[in-house]
């Protein structure tokens, strides 16, 4: 889980996160730990660590808070110029449009991903990834997977933006 997606572009990042969080958990001994769903991969890494180390902790995701435009709230948004801020919400619109295409029965996940990457490129983003994955392990989704998450990361202006959208695909 830690070597794919953001892990490919930020070598060792999640190892450091897991180490710090593990130390914190050992010092505090919580029953419950809340982490934002905005960084879905980080949430997945922490859940996996807790499970593998048999820690008696429930790790709960907290839904992403968004601006009216759909842009996920983040300290990184402060690096956006005023004219870029509204444009940055395209990342979330691409996630929503990909979700709608999947729910409408589009079977080619690769085509959906490619279409949204092209859209981001044309708008001046520099996408690192835009992928439809299984929520359980973040591996690429198969046609029969139900619990999905679409994950995206892209440079836009100064900041690197990340976002995701989780949903269940209804199977007929």
Foldseek 3Di string as FASTA:
>chain_A
DQCPDVCVVVPPPLVVVLVVVVVVCVVPVDQEAEDECFPVVSLLSNVVSCVVVVRNHHYDYDYFDADPLQATDDPLLVQDDPVVNSVNSLVVVLQVVLVVCVLVPPQPQVVSQVVSCVVCVVSQKAWPGWAKAASNPRHGDHSPRFWIKTWTWIDHRHDIHIGMDIGGHDDD
